[in-house]
Amino acid sequence: MKISIRLFDDKEVRAIWDEENKKWYFSVVDVVGILNEEEDYIKAGNY
């Protein structure tokens, strides 16, 4: 697995590349935080 930081709307989203399945997995908490314009990932985790 490869751990990476990707960008969405110029904000960081944690991601992991699974070589075996050829898929990216993204942090839902990071994506929700961006969509809800949360400054703090802990607040985004409350959703």
PDB file of N, CA and C in Angstrom:
ATOM      1  N   MET A   1       0.838  -1.188   0.000  1.00  0.00           N
ATOM      2  CA  MET A   1       0.000   0.000   0.000  1.00  0.00           C
ATOM      3  C   MET A   1       0.877   1.242   0.000  1.00  0.00           C
ATOM      4  N   LYS A   2       0.402   2.240  -0.675  1.00  0.00           N
ATOM      5  CA  LYS A   2       1.107   3.512  -0.768  1.00  0.00           C
ATOM      6  C   LYS A   2       0.225   4.590  -0.132  1.00  0.00           C
ATOM      7  N   ILE A   3       0.745   5.256   0.884  1.00  0.00           N
ATOM      8  CA  ILE A   3       0.024   6.344   1.545  1.00  0.00           C
ATOM      9  C   ILE A   3       0.362   7.640   0.825  1.00  0.00           C
ATOM     10  N   SER A   4      -0.652   8.462   0.583  1.00  0.00           N
ATOM     11  CA  SER A   4      -0.457   9.664  -0.203  1.00  0.00           C
ATOM     12  C   SER A   4      -1.389  10.771   0.277  1.00  0.00           C
ATOM     13  N   ILE A   5      -1.072  11.982  -0.110  1.00  0.00           N
ATOM     14  CA  ILE A   5      -1.951  13.131   0.109  1.00  0.00           C
ATOM     15  C   ILE A   5      -2.399  13.602  -1.274  1.00  0.00           C
ATOM     16  N   ARG A   6      -3.694  13.683  -1.463  1.00  0.00           N
ATOM     17  CA  ARG A   6      -4.260  14.166  -2.721  1.00  0.00           C
ATOM     18  C   ARG A   6      -4.914  15.516  -2.437  1.00  0.00           C
ATOM     19  N   LEU A   7      -5.181  16.270  -3.480  1.00  0.00           N
ATOM     20  CA  LEU A   7      -5.821  17.576  -3.318  1.00  0.00           C
ATOM     21  C   LEU A   7      -7.221  17.573  -3.916  1.00  0.00           C
ATOM     22  N   PHE A   8      -8.138  18.202  -3.203  1.00  0.00           N
ATOM     23  CA  PHE A   8      -9.505  18.413  -3.664  1.00  0.00           C
ATOM     24  C   PHE A   8      -9.870  19.833  -3.273  1.00  0.00           C
ATOM     25  N   ASP A   9     -10.206  20.661  -4.226  1.00  0.00           N
ATOM     26  CA  ASP A   9     -10.474  22.085  -3.965  1.00  0.00           C
ATOM     27  C   ASP A   9      -9.320  22.723  -3.198  1.00  0.00           C
ATOM     28  N   ASP A  10      -8.096  22.381  -3.568  1.00  0.00           N
ATOM     29  CA  ASP A  10      -6.871  22.899  -2.949  1.00  0.00           C
ATOM     30  C   ASP A  10      -6.738  22.550  -1.470  1.00  0.00           C
ATOM     31  N   LYS A  11      -7.426  21.513  -1.033  1.00  0.00           N
ATOM     32  CA  LYS A  11      -7.330  21.059   0.350  1.00  0.00           C
ATOM     33  C   LYS A  11      -6.817  19.615   0.343  1.00  0.00           C
ATOM     34  N   GLU A  12      -6.099  19.232   1.390  1.00  0.00           N
ATOM     35  CA  GLU A  12      -5.503  17.907   1.473  1.00  0.00           C
ATOM     36  C   GLU A  12      -6.526  16.836   1.853  1.00  0.00           C
ATOM     37  N   VAL A  13      -6.440  15.710   1.155  1.00  0.00           N
ATOM     38  CA  VAL A  13      -7.253  14.536   1.455  1.00  0.00           C
ATOM     39  C   VAL A  13      -6.298  13.347   1.572  1.00  0.00           C
ATOM     40  N   ARG A  14      -6.357  12.662   2.702  1.00  0.00           N
ATOM     41  CA  ARG A  14      -5.505  11.483   2.879  1.00  0.00           C
ATOM     42  C   ARG A  14      -6.027  10.353   1.998  1.00  0.00           C
ATOM     43  N   ALA A  15      -5.096   9.608   1.397  1.00  0.00           N
ATOM     44  CA  ALA A  15      -5.469   8.518   0.503  1.00  0.00           C
ATOM     45  C   ALA A  15      -4.467   7.378   0.616  1.00  0.00           C
ATOM     46  N   ILE A  16      -4.934   6.187   0.269  1.00  0.00           N
ATOM     47  CA  ILE A  16      -4.082   5.004   0.240  1.00  0.00           C
ATOM     48  C   ILE A  16      -4.315   4.295  -1.093  1.00  0.00           C
ATOM     49  N   TRP A  17      -3.233   3.920  -1.758  1.00  0.00           N
ATOM     50  CA  TRP A  17      -3.296   3.156  -3.001  1.00  0.00           C
ATOM     51  C   TRP A  17      -3.128   1.678  -2.674  1.00  0.00           C
ATOM     52  N   ASP A  18      -4.102   0.871  -3.070  1.00  0.00           N
ATOM     53  CA  ASP A  18      -4.054  -0.583  -2.884  1.00  0.00           C
ATOM     54  C   ASP A  18      -3.612  -1.203  -4.204  1.00  0.00           C
ATOM     55  N   GLU A  19      -2.362  -1.590  -4.272  1.00  0.00           N
ATOM     56  CA  GLU A  19      -1.778  -2.120  -5.510  1.00  0.00           C
ATOM     57  C   GLU A  19      -2.464  -3.416  -5.940  1.00  0.00           C
ATOM     58  N   GLU A  20      -2.791  -4.261  -4.995  1.00  0.00           N
ATOM     59  CA  GLU A  20      -3.402  -5.549  -5.317  1.00  0.00           C
ATOM     60  C   GLU A  20      -4.738  -5.389  -6.036  1.00  0.00           C
ATOM     61  N   ASN A  21      -5.568  -4.463  -5.553  1.00  0.00           N
ATOM     62  CA  ASN A  21      -6.895  -4.240  -6.143  1.00  0.00           C
ATOM     63  C   ASN A  21      -6.927  -3.087  -7.133  1.00  0.00           C
ATOM     64  N   LYS A  22      -5.795  -2.387  -7.271  1.00  0.00           N
ATOM     65  CA  LYS A  22      -5.690  -1.242  -8.198  1.00  0.00           C
ATOM     66  C   LYS A  22      -6.758  -0.183  -7.908  1.00  0.00           C
ATOM     67  N   LYS A  23      -6.865   0.192  -6.621  1.00  0.00           N
ATOM     68  CA  LYS A  23      -7.878   1.175  -6.205  1.00  0.00           C
ATOM     69  C   LYS A  23      -7.279   2.181  -5.232  1.00  0.00           C
ATOM     70  N   TRP A  24      -7.809   3.396  -5.282  1.00  0.00           N
ATOM     71  CA  TRP A  24      -7.510   4.422  -4.287  1.00  0.00           C
ATOM     72  C   TRP A  24      -8.600   4.383  -3.236  1.00  0.00           C
ATOM     73  N   TYR A  25      -8.218   4.553  -1.983  1.00  0.00           N
ATOM     74  CA  TYR A  25      -9.160   4.700  -0.879  1.00  0.00           C
ATOM     75  C   TYR A  25      -8.901   6.067  -0.250  1.00  0.00           C
ATOM     76  N   PHE A  26      -9.970   6.867  -0.115  1.00  0.00           N
ATOM     77  CA  PHE A  26      -9.853   8.230   0.389  1.00  0.00           C
ATOM     78  C   PHE A  26     -10.490   8.357   1.767  1.00  0.00           C
ATOM     79  N   SER A  27      -9.975   9.272   2.562  1.00  0.00           N
ATOM     80  CA  SER A  27     -10.518   9.514   3.887  1.00  0.00           C
ATOM     81  C   SER A  27     -11.871  10.222   3.778  1.00  0.00           C
ATOM     82  N   VAL A  28     -12.909   9.549   4.239  1.00  0.00           N
ATOM     83  CA  VAL A  28     -14.254  10.131   4.206  1.00  0.00           C
ATOM     84  C   VAL A  28     -14.317  11.361   5.101  1.00  0.00           C
ATOM     85  N   VAL A  29     -13.637  11.323   6.239  1.00  0.00           N
ATOM     86  CA  VAL A  29     -13.628  12.464   7.163  1.00  0.00           C
ATOM     87  C   VAL A  29     -13.051  13.698   6.466  1.00  0.00           C
ATOM     88  N   ASP A  30     -11.966  13.525   5.711  1.00  0.00           N
ATOM     89  CA  ASP A  30     -11.366  14.658   5.003  1.00  0.00           C
ATOM     90  C   ASP A  30     -12.321  15.220   3.950  1.00  0.00           C
ATOM     91  N   VAL A  31     -12.974  14.343   3.188  1.00  0.00           N
ATOM     92  CA  VAL A  31     -13.893  14.778   2.127  1.00  0.00           C
ATOM     93  C   VAL A  31     -15.104  15.493   2.734  1.00  0.00           C
ATOM     94  N   VAL A  32     -15.679  14.933   3.795  1.00  0.00           N
ATOM     95  CA  VAL A  32     -16.826  15.576   4.460  1.00  0.00           C
ATOM     96  C   VAL A  32     -16.423  16.945   4.997  1.00  0.00           C
ATOM     97  N   GLY A  33     -15.241  17.029   5.581  1.00  0.00           N
ATOM     98  CA  GLY A  33     -14.762  18.318   6.098  1.00  0.00           C
ATOM     99  C   GLY A  33     -14.644  19.368   5.011  1.00  0.00           C
ATOM    100  N   ILE A  34     -14.167  18.964   3.845  1.00  0.00           N
ATOM    101  CA  ILE A  34     -14.048  19.908   2.726  1.00  0.00           C
ATOM    102  C   ILE A  34     -15.423  20.336   2.232  1.00  0.00           C
ATOM    103  N   LEU A  35     -16.319  19.374   2.059  1.00  0.00           N
ATOM    104  CA  LEU A  35     -17.655  19.689   1.544  1.00  0.00           C
ATOM    105  C   LEU A  35     -18.458  20.562   2.508  1.00  0.00           C
ATOM    106  N   ASN A  36     -18.224  20.395   3.818  1.00  0.00           N
ATOM    107  CA  ASN A  36     -18.927  21.203   4.820  1.00  0.00           C
ATOM    108  C   ASN A  36     -18.121  22.421   5.254  1.00  0.00           C
ATOM    109  N   GLU A  37     -17.002  22.644   4.595  1.00  0.00           N
ATOM    110  CA  GLU A  37     -16.135  23.791   4.856  1.00  0.00           C
ATOM    111  C   GLU A  37     -15.693  23.861   6.323  1.00  0.00           C
ATOM    112  N   GLU A  38     -15.400  22.701   6.912  1.00  0.00           N
ATOM    113  CA  GLU A  38     -14.894  22.636   8.279  1.00  0.00           C
ATOM    114  C   GLU A  38     -13.402  22.943   8.269  1.00  0.00           C
ATOM    115  N   GLU A  39     -12.946  23.725   9.203  1.00  0.00           N
ATOM    116  CA  GLU A  39     -11.525  24.031   9.324  1.00  0.00           C
ATOM    117  C   GLU A  39     -10.782  22.941  10.090  1.00  0.00           C
ATOM    118  N   ASP A  40     -11.505  22.210  10.933  1.00  0.00           N
ATOM    119  CA  ASP A  40     -10.901  21.238  11.827  1.00  0.00           C
ATOM    120  C   ASP A  40     -11.431  19.840  11.485  1.00  0.00           C
ATOM    121  N   TYR A  41     -10.529  18.881  11.249  1.00  0.00           N
ATOM    122  CA  TYR A  41     -10.974  17.542  10.877  1.00  0.00           C
ATOM    123  C   TYR A  41     -11.718  16.849  12.013  1.00  0.00           C
ATOM    124  N   ILE A  42     -11.502  17.252  13.249  1.00  0.00           N
ATOM    125  CA  ILE A  42     -12.225  16.661  14.369  1.00  0.00           C
ATOM    126  C   ILE A  42     -13.714  17.021  14.287  1.00  0.00           C
ATOM    127  N   LYS A  43     -14.015  18.249  13.930  1.00  0.00           N
ATOM    128  CA  LYS A  43     -15.414  18.648  13.742  1.00  0.00           C
ATOM    129  C   LYS A  43     -16.037  17.882  12.592  1.00  0.00           C
ATOM    130  N   ALA A  44     -15.279  17.671  11.522  1.00  0.00           N
ATOM    131  CA  ALA A  44     -15.794  16.916  10.370  1.00  0.00           C
ATOM    132  C   ALA A  44     -16.108  15.471  10.769  1.00  0.00           C
ATOM    133  N   GLY A  45     -15.347  14.932  11.700  1.00  0.00           N
ATOM    134  CA  GLY A  45     -15.575  13.559  12.166  1.00  0.00           C
ATOM    135  C   GLY A  45     -16.882  13.379  12.909  1.00  0.00           C
ATOM    136  N   ASN A  46     -17.483  14.464  13.363  1.00  0.00           N
ATOM    137  CA  ASN A  46     -18.756  14.380  14.063  1.00  0.00           C
ATOM    138  C   ASN A  46     -19.913  14.051  13.134  1.00  0.00           C
ATOM    139  N   TYR A  47     -19.710  14.196  11.830  1.00  0.00           N
ATOM    140  CA  TYR A  47     -20.767  13.886  10.880  1.00  0.00           C
ATOM    141  C   TYR A  47     -20.813  12.402  10.684  1.00  0.00           C
TER     142      TYR A  47
END
